[in-house]
Amino acid sequence: MAGIVVVFDFDKTIIDLDSDNWVIDELGATDLFNRLLPTMPWNSLMELHDQGKTIDEIEQVLKRVPVIPRVVAAIKAAHTFGYGLVIERIHWLRKTGSKE
């Protein structure tokens, strides 16, 4: 079936939580984040590398995020059938201004 694309949102669909909050909590930055939140925009606070966190640290945290097992099966099935697959990150779309 050519031309079929399956679109998943990442947060609260593929994973049953908010990945931004997960990373902040897992890196032990919750208190700092909560103190700064009233004074800074969300996007600035998410620049964790500015807070001394490395890409590797963030990557390791994201590898531990709990994925919903049924969604993994659905993604694998879509791949098996040859469907296109898009995993959407609304935060990324807003930040980059991308319309794709």
N, C-alpha and C. Protein backbone atom coordinates (compact mmCIF):
# COMPACT_ATOMS: atom_id res chain seq x y z
N MET A 1 0.85 -1.19 0.00
CA MET A 1 0.00 0.00 0.00
C MET A 1 0.89 1.24 0.00
N ALA A 2 1.27 1.66 -1.15
CA ALA A 2 2.13 2.83 -1.28
C ALA A 2 1.39 4.10 -0.90
N GLY A 3 2.15 5.05 -0.37
CA GLY A 3 1.59 6.36 -0.07
C GLY A 3 0.96 6.49 1.31
N ILE A 4 1.01 5.47 2.13
CA ILE A 4 0.44 5.57 3.48
C ILE A 4 1.54 5.98 4.45
N VAL A 5 1.25 7.00 5.24
CA VAL A 5 2.17 7.48 6.26
C VAL A 5 1.46 7.41 7.60
N VAL A 6 2.11 6.82 8.58
CA VAL A 6 1.58 6.74 9.94
C VAL A 6 2.31 7.78 10.78
N VAL A 7 1.56 8.63 11.48
CA VAL A 7 2.15 9.71 12.28
C VAL A 7 1.87 9.44 13.76
N PHE A 8 2.91 9.49 14.55
CA PHE A 8 2.80 9.36 16.00
C PHE A 8 3.33 10.62 16.65
N ASP A 9 2.69 11.07 17.69
CA ASP A 9 3.28 12.09 18.55
C ASP A 9 4.16 11.34 19.54
N PHE A 10 5.21 11.95 20.01
CA PHE A 10 6.14 11.27 20.91
C PHE A 10 5.61 11.26 22.35
N ASP A 11 5.46 12.45 22.94
CA ASP A 11 5.01 12.55 24.33
C ASP A 11 3.56 12.12 24.46
N LYS A 12 3.30 11.32 25.47
CA LYS A 12 1.97 10.86 25.83
C LYS A 12 1.30 10.01 24.74
N THR A 13 2.11 9.50 23.81
CA THR A 13 1.62 8.57 22.79
C THR A 13 2.59 7.40 22.71
N ILE A 14 3.81 7.67 22.29
CA ILE A 14 4.82 6.62 22.26
C ILE A 14 5.33 6.36 23.67
N ILE A 15 5.49 7.42 24.42
CA ILE A 15 5.82 7.30 25.85
C ILE A 15 4.66 7.91 26.63
N ASP A 16 4.42 7.39 27.82
CA ASP A 16 3.27 7.83 28.60
C ASP A 16 3.67 8.90 29.62
N LEU A 17 4.42 9.90 29.13
CA LEU A 17 4.84 11.01 29.98
C LEU A 17 5.34 12.14 29.11
N ASP A 18 5.73 13.24 29.72
CA ASP A 18 6.28 14.39 29.02
C ASP A 18 7.81 14.24 29.03
N SER A 19 8.41 14.10 27.87
CA SER A 19 9.85 13.82 27.81
C SER A 19 10.70 14.98 28.34
N ASP A 20 10.23 16.21 28.18
CA ASP A 20 10.99 17.34 28.72
C ASP A 20 11.09 17.23 30.24
N ASN A 21 9.96 16.99 30.90
CA ASN A 21 9.97 16.85 32.36
C ASN A 21 10.78 15.63 32.79
N TRP A 22 10.68 14.54 32.03
CA TRP A 22 11.44 13.31 32.34
C TRP A 22 12.94 13.61 32.37
N VAL A 23 13.44 14.29 31.35
CA VAL A 23 14.87 14.59 31.27
C VAL A 23 15.30 15.48 32.43
N ILE A 24 14.52 16.51 32.71
CA ILE A 24 14.84 17.42 33.81
C ILE A 24 14.90 16.66 35.13
N ASP A 25 13.89 15.84 35.40
CA ASP A 25 13.85 15.07 36.65
C ASP A 25 15.01 14.08 36.74
N GLU A 26 15.26 13.34 35.66
CA GLU A 26 16.30 12.32 35.67
C GLU A 26 17.71 12.90 35.80
N LEU A 27 17.91 14.12 35.33
CA LEU A 27 19.22 14.77 35.44
C LEU A 27 19.38 15.50 36.77
N GLY A 28 18.36 15.42 37.62
CA GLY A 28 18.46 16.06 38.93
C GLY A 28 18.36 17.57 38.88
N ALA A 29 17.72 18.09 37.84
CA ALA A 29 17.63 19.54 37.67
C ALA A 29 16.25 20.09 38.04
N THR A 30 15.41 19.31 38.68
CA THR A 30 14.04 19.73 38.96
C THR A 30 13.98 20.97 39.83
N ASP A 31 14.75 21.00 40.92
CA ASP A 31 14.71 22.17 41.82
C ASP A 31 15.16 23.43 41.10
N LEU A 32 16.27 23.34 40.38
CA LEU A 32 16.76 24.49 39.62
C LEU A 32 15.73 24.93 38.59
N PHE A 33 15.17 23.98 37.87
CA PHE A 33 14.17 24.28 36.86
C PHE A 33 12.97 25.00 37.48
N ASN A 34 12.48 24.48 38.59
CA ASN A 34 11.31 25.09 39.25
C ASN A 34 11.61 26.50 39.77
N ARG A 35 12.85 26.74 40.23
CA ARG A 35 13.22 28.09 40.68
C ARG A 35 13.31 29.07 39.52
N LEU A 36 13.82 28.61 38.38
CA LEU A 36 14.02 29.50 37.24
C LEU A 36 12.77 29.69 36.37
N LEU A 37 11.85 28.74 36.42
CA LEU A 37 10.67 28.78 35.54
C LEU A 37 9.89 30.09 35.61
N PRO A 38 9.68 30.68 36.79
CA PRO A 38 8.93 31.95 36.82
C PRO A 38 9.68 33.12 36.18
N THR A 39 10.98 32.98 35.97
CA THR A 39 11.77 34.11 35.48
C THR A 39 12.27 33.96 34.05
N MET A 40 12.09 32.77 33.47
CA MET A 40 12.64 32.52 32.13
C MET A 40 11.63 31.78 31.27
N PRO A 41 11.71 31.96 29.95
CA PRO A 41 10.83 31.19 29.07
C PRO A 41 11.22 29.71 29.06
N TRP A 42 10.25 28.85 28.83
CA TRP A 42 10.44 27.40 28.83
C TRP A 42 11.59 27.00 27.91
N ASN A 43 11.61 27.51 26.69
CA ASN A 43 12.64 27.11 25.72
C ASN A 43 14.05 27.40 26.23
N SER A 44 14.23 28.52 26.92
CA SER A 44 15.55 28.83 27.47
C SER A 44 15.95 27.83 28.54
N LEU A 45 14.99 27.42 29.35
CA LEU A 45 15.28 26.46 30.41
C LEU A 45 15.63 25.09 29.85
N MET A 46 15.10 24.77 28.67
CA MET A 46 15.36 23.46 28.09
C MET A 46 16.74 23.37 27.44
N GLU A 47 17.48 24.44 27.42
CA GLU A 47 18.85 24.42 26.91
C GLU A 47 19.75 23.85 28.00
N LEU A 48 19.60 22.57 28.27
CA LEU A 48 20.28 21.92 29.39
C LEU A 48 21.80 21.94 29.25
N HIS A 49 22.30 21.99 28.02
CA HIS A 49 23.75 22.04 27.86
C HIS A 49 24.31 23.35 28.43
N ASP A 50 23.48 24.40 28.45
CA ASP A 50 23.91 25.66 29.07
C ASP A 50 24.01 25.52 30.58
N GLN A 51 23.35 24.50 31.12
CA GLN A 51 23.38 24.25 32.56
C GLN A 51 24.46 23.21 32.92
N GLY A 52 25.32 22.89 31.94
CA GLY A 52 26.42 21.97 32.20
C GLY A 52 26.14 20.52 31.87
N LYS A 53 24.98 20.21 31.31
CA LYS A 53 24.65 18.83 30.94
C LYS A 53 25.16 18.56 29.53
N THR A 54 25.70 17.36 29.34
CA THR A 54 26.23 17.00 28.03
C THR A 54 25.15 16.31 27.19
N ILE A 55 25.38 16.31 25.90
CA ILE A 55 24.47 15.60 24.99
C ILE A 55 24.42 14.12 25.38
N ASP A 56 25.56 13.55 25.75
CA ASP A 56 25.62 12.15 26.14
C ASP A 56 24.75 11.88 27.38
N GLU A 57 24.79 12.78 28.36
CA GLU A 57 23.96 12.61 29.56
C GLU A 57 22.47 12.63 29.20
N ILE A 58 22.10 13.57 28.35
CA ILE A 58 20.70 13.68 27.93
C ILE A 58 20.29 12.44 27.13
N GLU A 59 21.18 11.98 26.25
CA GLU A 59 20.90 10.78 25.45
C GLU A 59 20.69 9.57 26.35
N GLN A 60 21.54 9.40 27.36
CA GLN A 60 21.42 8.26 28.28
C GLN A 60 20.09 8.29 29.02
N VAL A 61 19.65 9.47 29.42
CA VAL A 61 18.35 9.60 30.10
C VAL A 61 17.23 9.21 29.15
N LEU A 62 17.28 9.68 27.92
CA LEU A 62 16.22 9.36 26.96
C LEU A 62 16.18 7.87 26.60
N LYS A 63 17.30 7.19 26.69
CA LYS A 63 17.32 5.75 26.43
C LYS A 63 16.56 4.98 27.51
N ARG A 64 16.38 5.58 28.69
CA ARG A 64 15.69 4.92 29.80
C ARG A 64 14.20 5.24 29.86
N VAL A 65 13.72 6.12 28.99
CA VAL A 65 12.32 6.53 29.05
C VAL A 65 11.42 5.31 28.81
N PRO A 66 10.37 5.16 29.61
CA PRO A 66 9.49 4.00 29.43
C PRO A 66 8.60 4.16 28.19
N VAL A 67 8.75 3.24 27.25
CA VAL A 67 7.98 3.26 26.01
C VAL A 67 6.76 2.35 26.18
N ILE A 68 5.63 2.76 25.61
CA ILE A 68 4.41 1.95 25.68
C ILE A 68 4.56 0.76 24.74
N PRO A 69 4.56 -0.47 25.26
CA PRO A 69 4.83 -1.66 24.43
C PRO A 69 3.92 -1.80 23.21
N ARG A 70 2.65 -1.51 23.35
CA ARG A 70 1.74 -1.66 22.20
C ARG A 70 2.09 -0.70 21.07
N VAL A 71 2.66 0.43 21.41
CA VAL A 71 3.06 1.39 20.38
C VAL A 71 4.27 0.86 19.62
N VAL A 72 5.19 0.21 20.32
CA VAL A 72 6.34 -0.40 19.66
C VAL A 72 5.85 -1.41 18.63
N ALA A 73 4.89 -2.24 19.02
CA ALA A 73 4.33 -3.23 18.08
C ALA A 73 3.67 -2.55 16.89
N ALA A 74 2.98 -1.45 17.11
CA ALA A 74 2.32 -0.73 16.02
C ALA A 74 3.35 -0.13 15.06
N ILE A 75 4.43 0.42 15.60
CA ILE A 75 5.48 0.99 14.75
C ILE A 75 6.14 -0.11 13.92
N LYS A 76 6.42 -1.24 14.55
CA LYS A 76 7.03 -2.36 13.81
C LYS A 76 6.09 -2.88 12.73
N ALA A 77 4.80 -2.94 13.02
CA ALA A 77 3.83 -3.40 12.02
C ALA A 77 3.78 -2.42 10.84
N ALA A 78 3.77 -1.14 11.12
CA ALA A 78 3.75 -0.14 10.05
C ALA A 78 4.98 -0.29 9.17
N HIS A 79 6.13 -0.51 9.79
CA HIS A 79 7.37 -0.71 9.04
C HIS A 79 7.28 -1.97 8.16
N THR A 80 6.77 -3.05 8.75
CA THR A 80 6.63 -4.31 8.02
C THR A 80 5.76 -4.15 6.77
N PHE A 81 4.71 -3.35 6.87
CA PHE A 81 3.81 -3.13 5.75
C PHE A 81 4.37 -2.09 4.76
N GLY A 82 5.52 -1.52 5.09
CA GLY A 82 6.14 -0.56 4.18
C GLY A 82 5.57 0.85 4.27
N TYR A 83 4.84 1.13 5.32
CA TYR A 83 4.27 2.47 5.49
C TYR A 83 5.36 3.46 5.87
N GLY A 84 5.18 4.70 5.47
CA GLY A 84 6.05 5.76 5.94
C GLY A 84 5.76 6.02 7.41
N LEU A 85 6.72 6.50 8.13
CA LEU A 85 6.55 6.72 9.57
C LEU A 85 7.09 8.09 9.94
N VAL A 86 6.27 8.85 10.67
CA VAL A 86 6.68 10.16 11.17
C VAL A 86 6.43 10.18 12.67
N ILE A 87 7.44 10.55 13.43
CA ILE A 87 7.27 10.74 14.87
C ILE A 87 7.41 12.23 15.10
N GLU A 88 6.34 12.84 15.54
CA GLU A 88 6.26 14.29 15.64
C GLU A 88 6.63 14.77 17.03
N ARG A 89 7.42 15.83 17.07
CA ARG A 89 7.75 16.49 18.33
C ARG A 89 7.26 17.92 18.22
N ILE A 90 6.14 18.23 18.84
CA ILE A 90 5.55 19.55 18.74
C ILE A 90 6.53 20.62 19.22
N HIS A 91 7.24 20.37 20.32
CA HIS A 91 8.21 21.34 20.84
C HIS A 91 9.23 21.67 19.76
N TRP A 92 9.74 20.65 19.06
CA TRP A 92 10.72 20.89 18.01
C TRP A 92 10.10 21.69 16.88
N LEU A 93 8.89 21.36 16.51
CA LEU A 93 8.23 22.10 15.42
C LEU A 93 8.06 23.55 15.78
N ARG A 94 7.66 23.83 17.03
CA ARG A 94 7.51 25.23 17.45
C ARG A 94 8.85 25.95 17.46
N LYS A 95 9.88 25.29 17.99
CA LYS A 95 11.18 25.93 18.13
C LYS A 95 11.80 26.25 16.78
N THR A 96 11.67 25.36 15.81
CA THR A 96 12.31 25.56 14.52
C THR A 96 11.42 26.31 13.54
N GLY A 97 10.13 26.35 13.83
CA GLY A 97 9.20 26.99 12.90
C GLY A 97 8.89 26.13 11.71
N SER A 98 9.30 24.86 11.76
CA SER A 98 9.09 23.96 10.63
C SER A 98 7.60 23.68 10.44
N LYS A 99 7.20 23.59 9.21
CA LYS A 99 5.81 23.25 8.89
C LYS A 99 5.73 21.82 8.38
N GLU A 100 6.87 21.12 8.31
CA GLU A 100 6.89 19.75 7.79
C GLU A 100 6.63 18.76 8.89
